[in-house]
Amino acid sequence: MLKDSIIIFKKELKSLFKDRRSIFFLIILPLVLMPGLFLTIGYTASSQEKKAAETVYRVGFINLPDEKFPEILSKRLLYEGFYKSFNTSDFSDVTSSDRTVIVEFNKNDEKLTAKIYYNSVSNKSKYAMQVIVSALNAYEKLLLSDKLRSYSLTLDDLRLIDISSVDMAPKEAQGTDFLAVMLPYMILIYIFAGSMNIGLDTTAGEKERGTLSPILVNQVSRTSIATGKVFYVMTAGLINSVSTFIGLVIAFSILGSMPNSGLSMNISALTPLKLLCLLITILTVAGLASAVMVLLGSLAKSMKEGGAYVMPFYIGAVIMGVATMQMDSPKNLIVSLIPILNSVFNMKDIITSQISTLRFLLMILSNLAVMAIVMLRILQLP
């Protein structure tokens, strides 16, 4: 039986690597797409911020109390100032312009209020508003400092608590929060996407093309056929997932080193042991996803019908990935018995150096057990 399974597995794998399109989509595309996608996002955000910072804005002042605020603002924003009286009908220039912002000051009971009129549709206008808020905070400190000086006090005299924070996470876990959020989600999505297409093609697709009949004529057992195809789909899904993983690591490495990216990623935290644990986790997920896709494809009479069967599982994987992105790994062992979900949390634990041997083993056993059940169901199909 195993010999026949290996023969079928080799046949399918050989046909896969003969197809240049399959090689491109499984290996080359993730390695190029992931760095390209994230670098484009990082470059676009950086470019837009630079463009907004270099824009010369028109900032209108209503009831400006003194010239101190414009001086503070000039150090943060390139602008041309103008003064105007309060008239709401004159605010059309804010609505129609992406670089005009108006600041209205009012003084009530010794308290100064500032209202900023900006255009939320324009990114430049929003940028100017945020810079003005920052300048107003600095202006507030200046006014407070002047007022305290009359009482022979300073701002430091009012700071009764000196606040600082110390990251006590293990050094190998520091700077891995972004990786722990993105990697499990992206890997999960690509495992299911890769298994879905190949799993349907090797089952429902072969039914449509009539290429399954020659194998059955040779009196190969159903067990061998099912095992060989699951191994084939699992291998293809694993190759796709590993390529995606490598592409993401490359993308995050470059993105983290870009100036003004705002991301601090500790790629060195992915030690050989962590990579091995991630590979084992990915392997169990790929095996389970492949078995499910082969089962659903075997139930379908055509690719179209198979797509309808598979889509709810793919959507479920997407929802699960999104829902767990910002979640910490629960310590409840019951979660370690829930297929797929346990793998997501274990990947998070591996990346952040919080892996539990017990939860890791339970995850492997749970995924393999469900995979075996699905395989048995495949063998029972008429």
Protein backbone atom coordinates (compact mmCIF):
# COMPACT_ATOMS: atom_id res chain seq x y z
CA MET A 1 0.00 0.00 0.00
CA LEU A 2 2.74 2.47 1.00
CA LYS A 3 4.68 1.68 -2.16
CA ASP A 4 1.66 2.49 -4.33
CA SER A 5 1.07 5.70 -2.34
CA ILE A 6 4.66 6.80 -2.94
CA ILE A 7 4.34 6.03 -6.66
CA ILE A 8 1.18 8.19 -6.89
CA PHE A 9 2.84 10.90 -4.78
CA LYS A 10 5.90 10.96 -7.07
CA LYS A 11 3.72 11.02 -10.19
CA GLU A 12 1.72 14.01 -8.94
CA LEU A 13 4.82 15.82 -7.72
CA LYS A 14 6.62 15.23 -11.02
CA SER A 15 3.68 16.68 -12.95
CA LEU A 16 3.67 19.65 -10.57
CA PHE A 17 7.31 20.53 -11.20
CA LYS A 18 6.91 20.05 -14.94
CA ASP A 19 4.39 22.89 -14.92
CA ARG A 20 6.26 26.21 -14.88
CA ARG A 21 3.14 28.08 -13.81
CA SER A 22 2.77 25.91 -10.72
CA ILE A 23 6.42 26.47 -9.76
CA PHE A 24 5.92 30.21 -10.25
CA PHE A 25 2.78 30.41 -8.10
CA LEU A 26 4.05 28.03 -5.40
CA ILE A 27 7.63 29.23 -4.94
CA ILE A 28 8.62 32.30 -6.94
CA LEU A 29 5.49 34.43 -6.45
CA PRO A 30 5.46 34.37 -2.60
CA LEU A 31 9.20 35.17 -2.49
CA VAL A 32 8.66 38.19 -4.75
CA LEU A 33 5.11 39.18 -3.78
CA MET A 34 5.59 39.47 0.00
CA PRO A 35 8.67 41.76 -0.07
CA GLY A 36 7.16 43.70 -2.97
CA LEU A 37 3.82 44.14 -1.20
CA PHE A 38 5.20 45.32 2.12
CA LEU A 39 7.94 47.45 0.56
CA THR A 40 5.32 49.15 -1.60
CA ILE A 41 3.18 49.84 1.46
CA GLY A 42 6.19 51.17 3.41
CA TYR A 43 7.48 53.27 0.51
CA THR A 44 4.03 54.71 -0.24
CA ALA A 45 3.42 55.66 3.40
CA SER A 46 6.89 57.21 3.71
CA SER A 47 6.48 59.05 0.41
CA GLN A 48 3.07 60.43 1.37
CA GLU A 49 4.36 61.60 4.76
CA LYS A 50 7.37 63.28 3.13
CA LYS A 51 5.15 65.00 0.57
CA ALA A 52 2.80 66.23 3.32
CA ALA A 53 5.77 67.52 5.36
CA GLU A 54 7.19 69.45 2.36
CA THR A 55 3.86 71.09 1.46
CA VAL A 56 3.49 74.81 2.23
CA TYR A 57 0.15 75.22 4.04
CA ARG A 58 -2.13 78.19 4.57
CA VAL A 59 -2.96 78.50 8.27
CA GLY A 60 -5.58 81.04 9.28
CA PHE A 61 -5.73 82.46 12.81
CA ILE A 62 -8.85 83.77 14.51
CA ASN A 63 -8.41 85.74 17.77
CA LEU A 64 -4.71 84.86 17.95
CA PRO A 65 -3.66 85.73 21.54
CA ASP A 66 0.02 86.43 20.76
CA GLU A 67 2.82 85.66 18.31
CA LYS A 68 4.31 82.84 20.39
CA PHE A 69 2.12 80.14 18.85
CA PRO A 70 2.98 81.01 15.20
CA GLU A 71 6.68 80.89 16.17
CA ILE A 72 6.25 77.41 17.68
CA LEU A 73 4.24 76.23 14.67
CA SER A 74 6.83 77.53 12.19
CA LYS A 75 9.37 75.08 13.65
CA ARG A 76 7.04 72.15 12.90
CA LEU A 77 5.15 73.12 9.74
CA LEU A 78 5.85 75.02 6.52
CA TYR A 79 3.02 77.53 6.27
CA GLU A 80 1.83 80.97 5.28
CA GLY A 81 -0.20 82.59 8.04
CA PHE A 82 -3.18 84.87 7.58
CA TYR A 83 -5.70 86.44 9.93
CA LYS A 84 -9.45 86.53 9.59
CA SER A 85 -12.56 87.28 11.59
CA PHE A 86 -14.94 84.52 12.61
CA ASN A 87 -17.50 83.89 9.88
CA THR A 88 -18.57 80.32 9.13
CA SER A 89 -19.48 81.26 5.56
CA ASP A 90 -15.82 82.06 4.93
CA PHE A 91 -14.68 78.50 5.74
CA SER A 92 -15.29 77.23 2.21
CA ASP A 93 -11.57 77.54 1.47
CA VAL A 94 -10.93 74.81 4.08
CA THR A 95 -13.50 72.52 2.46
CA SER A 96 -12.23 73.06 -1.07
CA SER A 97 -8.49 73.06 -0.30
CA ASP A 98 -6.15 70.30 0.84
CA ARG A 99 -3.67 72.69 2.45
CA THR A 100 -5.76 75.29 4.24
CA VAL A 101 -6.40 74.97 7.97
CA ILE A 102 -7.91 77.52 10.35
CA VAL A 103 -7.28 77.76 14.09
CA GLU A 104 -9.82 79.65 16.19
CA PHE A 105 -8.82 80.81 19.69
CA ASN A 106 -11.20 81.86 22.44
CA LYS A 107 -10.48 82.86 26.03
CA ASN A 108 -13.07 82.11 28.73
CA ASP A 109 -12.47 82.38 32.47
CA GLU A 110 -8.70 82.58 32.06
CA LYS A 111 -8.77 79.40 29.96
CA LEU A 112 -7.75 79.43 26.32
CA THR A 113 -9.58 77.16 23.87
CA ALA A 114 -8.43 76.30 20.37
CA LYS A 115 -10.63 74.87 17.62
CA ILE A 116 -9.03 73.53 14.43
CA TYR A 117 -10.98 73.57 11.16
CA TYR A 118 -9.59 71.04 8.66
CA ASN A 119 -10.69 68.76 5.83
CA SER A 120 -10.76 65.08 6.89
CA VAL A 121 -10.97 63.92 3.26
CA SER A 122 -7.47 65.27 2.58
CA ASN A 123 -4.44 63.44 4.00
CA LYS A 124 -2.43 66.68 3.83
CA SER A 125 -5.08 68.57 5.77
CA LYS A 126 -5.16 65.82 8.41
CA TYR A 127 -1.37 65.93 8.64
CA ALA A 128 -1.44 69.73 9.18
CA MET A 129 -4.12 69.31 11.85
CA GLN A 130 -1.99 66.76 13.72
CA VAL A 131 1.08 69.01 13.58
CA ILE A 132 -1.00 71.96 14.84
CA VAL A 133 -2.23 69.83 17.76
CA SER A 134 1.40 69.02 18.59
CA ALA A 135 2.30 72.73 18.38
CA LEU A 136 -0.67 73.63 20.62
CA ASN A 137 0.57 71.16 23.24
CA ALA A 138 3.97 72.85 23.16
CA TYR A 139 2.28 76.27 23.31
CA GLU A 140 0.26 75.13 26.34
CA LYS A 141 3.46 74.13 28.14
CA LEU A 142 4.98 77.51 27.31
CA LEU A 143 1.98 79.41 28.73
CA LEU A 144 1.96 77.22 31.82
CA SER A 145 5.68 77.76 32.30
CA ASP A 146 5.23 81.55 32.06
CA LYS A 147 2.40 81.46 34.59
CA LEU A 148 4.36 79.30 37.03
CA ARG A 149 7.36 81.56 36.76
CA SER A 150 5.36 84.32 38.44
CA TYR A 151 5.08 82.00 41.44
CA SER A 152 8.78 81.07 41.29
CA LEU A 153 7.91 77.58 40.07
CA THR A 154 8.79 75.51 37.01
CA LEU A 155 7.09 72.65 35.19
CA ASP A 156 9.54 70.22 36.77
CA ASP A 157 8.31 71.31 40.21
CA LEU A 158 4.84 70.04 39.28
CA ARG A 159 6.07 66.67 38.08
CA LEU A 160 5.66 64.68 41.28
CA ILE A 161 6.03 61.34 39.50
CA ASP A 162 8.86 60.52 37.09
CA ILE A 163 7.42 57.85 34.82
CA SER A 164 9.51 55.38 32.82
CA SER A 165 8.91 51.91 31.44
CA VAL A 166 11.19 48.88 31.35
CA ASP A 167 10.57 45.97 28.97
CA MET A 168 11.08 42.84 31.08
CA ALA A 169 10.32 40.39 28.27
CA PRO A 170 13.23 38.06 27.45
CA LYS A 171 15.70 39.70 25.07
CA GLU A 172 15.03 37.05 22.45
CA ALA A 173 11.32 37.94 22.58
CA GLN A 174 11.66 41.73 22.41
CA GLY A 175 10.73 43.25 19.07
CA THR A 176 8.76 40.20 17.92
CA ASP A 177 5.23 41.53 18.49
CA PHE A 178 4.69 42.55 14.85
CA LEU A 179 6.05 39.21 13.61
CA ALA A 180 3.73 37.36 16.01
CA VAL A 181 0.75 39.29 14.64
CA MET A 182 1.45 38.97 10.91
CA LEU A 183 3.31 35.69 10.33
CA PRO A 184 0.68 33.22 11.67
CA TYR A 185 -2.10 35.02 9.78
CA MET A 186 -0.27 35.12 6.45
CA ILE A 187 0.97 31.52 6.73
CA LEU A 188 -2.53 30.25 7.59
CA ILE A 189 -4.08 32.03 4.61
CA TYR A 190 -1.46 30.76 2.17
CA ILE A 191 -1.68 27.17 3.44
CA PHE A 192 -5.40 27.08 2.77
CA ALA A 193 -5.14 28.99 -0.51
CA GLY A 194 -2.43 26.66 -1.85
CA SER A 195 -4.11 23.47 -0.61
CA MET A 196 -7.48 24.58 -1.97
CA ASN A 197 -6.36 25.04 -5.57
CA ILE A 198 -4.14 21.97 -5.79
CA GLY A 199 -6.49 19.76 -3.74
CA LEU A 200 -9.42 20.50 -6.04
CA ASP A 201 -7.33 20.05 -9.18
CA THR A 202 -6.05 16.60 -8.16
CA THR A 203 -9.54 15.31 -7.19
CA ALA A 204 -12.52 17.04 -8.78
CA GLY A 205 -10.29 18.26 -11.62
CA GLU A 206 -9.16 14.74 -12.47
CA LYS A 207 -12.79 13.57 -12.42
CA GLU A 208 -13.67 16.20 -15.01
CA ARG A 209 -10.62 15.41 -17.16
CA GLY A 210 -11.09 11.64 -16.79
CA THR A 211 -7.47 11.09 -15.73
CA LEU A 212 -8.42 9.19 -12.55
CA SER A 213 -9.71 6.14 -14.42
CA PRO A 214 -6.27 4.78 -15.52
CA ILE A 215 -5.14 4.64 -11.89
CA LEU A 216 -8.26 2.72 -10.84
CA VAL A 217 -7.85 0.31 -13.79
CA ASN A 218 -4.38 -0.64 -12.49
CA GLN A 219 -6.07 -1.97 -9.34
CA VAL A 220 -4.35 0.50 -7.02
CA SER A 221 -6.09 0.52 -3.63
CA ARG A 222 -8.18 3.48 -2.60
CA THR A 223 -5.99 3.87 0.48
CA SER A 224 -2.88 4.27 -1.67
CA ILE A 225 -4.60 6.78 -3.94
CA ALA A 226 -5.92 8.84 -1.03
CA THR A 227 -2.62 8.77 0.88
CA GLY A 228 -0.57 9.65 -2.19
CA LYS A 229 -2.80 12.58 -3.10
CA VAL A 230 -2.88 13.92 0.47
CA PHE A 231 0.93 13.73 0.62
CA TYR A 232 1.12 15.51 -2.73
CA VAL A 233 -1.25 18.32 -1.73
CA MET A 234 0.45 18.62 1.67
CA THR A 235 3.90 18.89 0.04
CA ALA A 236 2.71 21.53 -2.41
CA GLY A 237 1.01 23.47 0.40
CA LEU A 238 4.13 23.20 2.55
CA ILE A 239 6.37 24.47 -0.26
CA ASN A 240 4.01 27.40 -0.81
CA SER A 241 3.87 28.18 2.93
CA VAL A 242 7.64 28.00 3.41
CA SER A 243 8.16 30.29 0.40
CA THR A 244 5.61 32.69 1.87
CA PHE A 245 7.34 32.54 5.26
CA ILE A 246 10.75 33.30 3.74
CA GLY A 247 9.26 36.11 1.65
CA LEU A 248 7.65 37.66 4.74
CA VAL A 249 10.88 37.45 6.76
CA ILE A 250 12.75 39.18 3.90
CA ALA A 251 10.03 41.83 3.66
CA PHE A 252 9.97 42.49 7.41
CA SER A 253 13.79 42.63 7.55
CA ILE A 254 13.92 45.30 4.85
CA LEU A 255 10.87 47.17 6.16
CA GLY A 256 12.20 47.22 9.72
CA SER A 257 15.48 48.76 8.54
CA MET A 258 13.75 51.49 6.53
CA PRO A 259 13.90 54.98 8.12
CA ASN A 260 10.59 56.32 9.47
CA SER A 261 8.96 52.90 9.07
CA GLY A 262 7.85 52.97 12.71
CA LEU A 263 8.47 49.23 12.98
CA SER A 264 11.05 47.54 15.18
CA MET A 265 11.40 43.87 14.30
CA ASN A 266 13.85 41.48 15.87
CA ILE A 267 14.40 39.05 12.99
CA SER A 268 17.38 37.53 14.84
CA ALA A 269 14.86 36.14 17.35
CA LEU A 270 13.99 33.44 14.78
CA THR A 271 16.64 30.97 15.94
CA PRO A 272 17.16 27.57 14.24
CA LEU A 273 15.16 25.86 17.01
CA LYS A 274 12.25 28.28 16.54
CA LEU A 275 12.37 27.79 12.79
CA LEU A 276 12.24 24.02 13.28
CA CYS A 277 9.22 24.32 15.60
CA LEU A 278 7.53 26.66 13.11
CA LEU A 279 8.22 24.17 10.31
CA ILE A 280 6.66 21.31 12.33
CA THR A 281 3.61 23.49 13.10
CA ILE A 282 3.24 24.50 9.45
CA LEU A 283 3.60 20.85 8.43
CA THR A 284 0.72 19.71 10.69
CA VAL A 285 -1.51 22.55 9.49
CA ALA A 286 -0.65 21.83 5.85
CA GLY A 287 -1.41 18.12 6.38
CA LEU A 288 -4.78 18.83 7.96
CA ALA A 289 -5.74 21.43 5.36
CA SER A 290 -4.67 19.09 2.55
CA ALA A 291 -6.71 16.18 3.91
CA VAL A 292 -9.80 18.40 4.19
CA MET A 293 -9.35 19.74 0.65
CA VAL A 294 -8.89 16.22 -0.79
CA LEU A 295 -12.03 15.06 1.03
CA LEU A 296 -14.13 17.96 -0.24
CA GLY A 297 -12.70 17.61 -3.74
CA SER A 298 -13.51 13.88 -3.71
CA LEU A 299 -17.11 14.62 -2.74
CA ALA A 300 -17.50 17.07 -5.63
CA LYS A 301 -18.34 16.01 -9.18
CA SER A 302 -16.76 19.09 -10.77
CA MET A 303 -14.31 21.90 -10.01
CA LYS A 304 -17.19 24.35 -9.70
CA GLU A 305 -18.97 22.19 -7.14
CA GLY A 306 -15.70 21.60 -5.29
CA GLY A 307 -15.10 25.35 -5.10
CA ALA A 308 -18.49 25.77 -3.44
CA TYR A 309 -17.60 23.11 -0.85
CA VAL A 310 -14.17 24.52 -0.12
CA MET A 311 -14.96 28.23 0.06
CA PRO A 312 -16.63 28.17 3.53
CA PHE A 313 -13.50 26.54 4.98
CA TYR A 314 -11.26 29.13 3.33
CA ILE A 315 -13.42 32.00 4.60
CA GLY A 316 -13.36 30.39 8.06
CA ALA A 317 -9.54 30.31 7.96
CA VAL A 318 -9.46 34.00 6.99
CA ILE A 319 -11.84 34.93 9.82
CA MET A 320 -9.84 32.85 12.30
CA GLY A 321 -6.61 34.52 11.19
CA VAL A 322 -8.03 38.03 11.50
CA ALA A 323 -9.75 37.32 14.84
CA THR A 324 -6.55 36.03 16.46
CA MET A 325 -4.14 38.69 15.14
CA GLN A 326 -4.31 40.84 18.28
CA MET A 327 -5.07 38.02 20.75
CA ASP A 328 -2.58 36.71 23.29
CA SER A 329 -2.20 32.95 23.47
CA PRO A 330 -4.59 31.49 26.08
CA LYS A 331 -3.10 29.18 28.70
CA ASN A 332 -6.16 26.92 28.65
CA LEU A 333 -5.11 23.48 27.41
CA ILE A 334 -8.52 22.96 25.77
CA VAL A 335 -7.56 25.53 23.13
CA SER A 336 -4.55 23.33 22.29
CA LEU A 337 -7.00 20.63 21.20
CA ILE A 338 -8.86 22.83 18.69
CA PRO A 339 -7.36 22.19 15.22
CA ILE A 340 -5.91 25.16 13.29
CA LEU A 341 -6.62 27.57 16.17
CA ASN A 342 -4.04 25.78 18.30
CA SER A 343 -1.50 26.13 15.49
CA VAL A 344 -2.01 29.90 15.24
CA PHE A 345 -1.42 30.38 18.97
CA ASN A 346 1.56 28.01 18.96
CA MET A 347 3.17 30.00 16.16
CA LYS A 348 2.69 33.15 18.25
CA ASP A 349 4.25 31.41 21.27
CA ILE A 350 7.21 30.17 19.22
CA ILE A 351 7.96 33.62 17.79
CA THR A 352 7.66 35.35 21.20
CA SER A 353 9.66 32.66 23.06
CA GLN A 354 6.67 31.60 25.17
CA ILE A 355 6.35 28.10 23.77
CA SER A 356 5.01 25.40 26.09
CA THR A 357 6.16 21.85 25.37
CA LEU A 358 2.83 20.44 26.56
CA ARG A 359 0.72 22.76 24.41
CA PHE A 360 3.02 22.15 21.44
CA LEU A 361 2.67 18.37 21.73
CA LEU A 362 -1.11 18.62 22.21
CA MET A 363 -1.31 20.74 19.07
CA ILE A 364 0.61 18.15 17.03
CA LEU A 365 -1.46 15.23 18.36
CA SER A 366 -4.75 17.06 17.86
CA ASN A 367 -4.01 18.08 14.26
CA LEU A 368 -2.71 14.60 13.37
CA ALA A 369 -5.74 12.93 14.98
CA VAL A 370 -8.19 15.08 13.01
CA MET A 371 -6.13 14.51 9.87
CA ALA A 372 -6.37 10.73 10.42
CA ILE A 373 -10.16 10.97 10.89
CA VAL A 374 -10.48 12.91 7.63
CA MET A 375 -8.29 10.33 5.86
CA LEU A 376 -10.53 7.51 7.12
CA ARG A 377 -13.57 9.40 5.82
CA ILE A 378 -11.89 9.67 2.40
CA LEU A 379 -11.37 5.90 2.34
CA GLN A 380 -15.06 5.33 3.12
CA LEU A 381 -16.23 7.32 0.09
CA PRO A 382 -18.00 5.22 -2.56
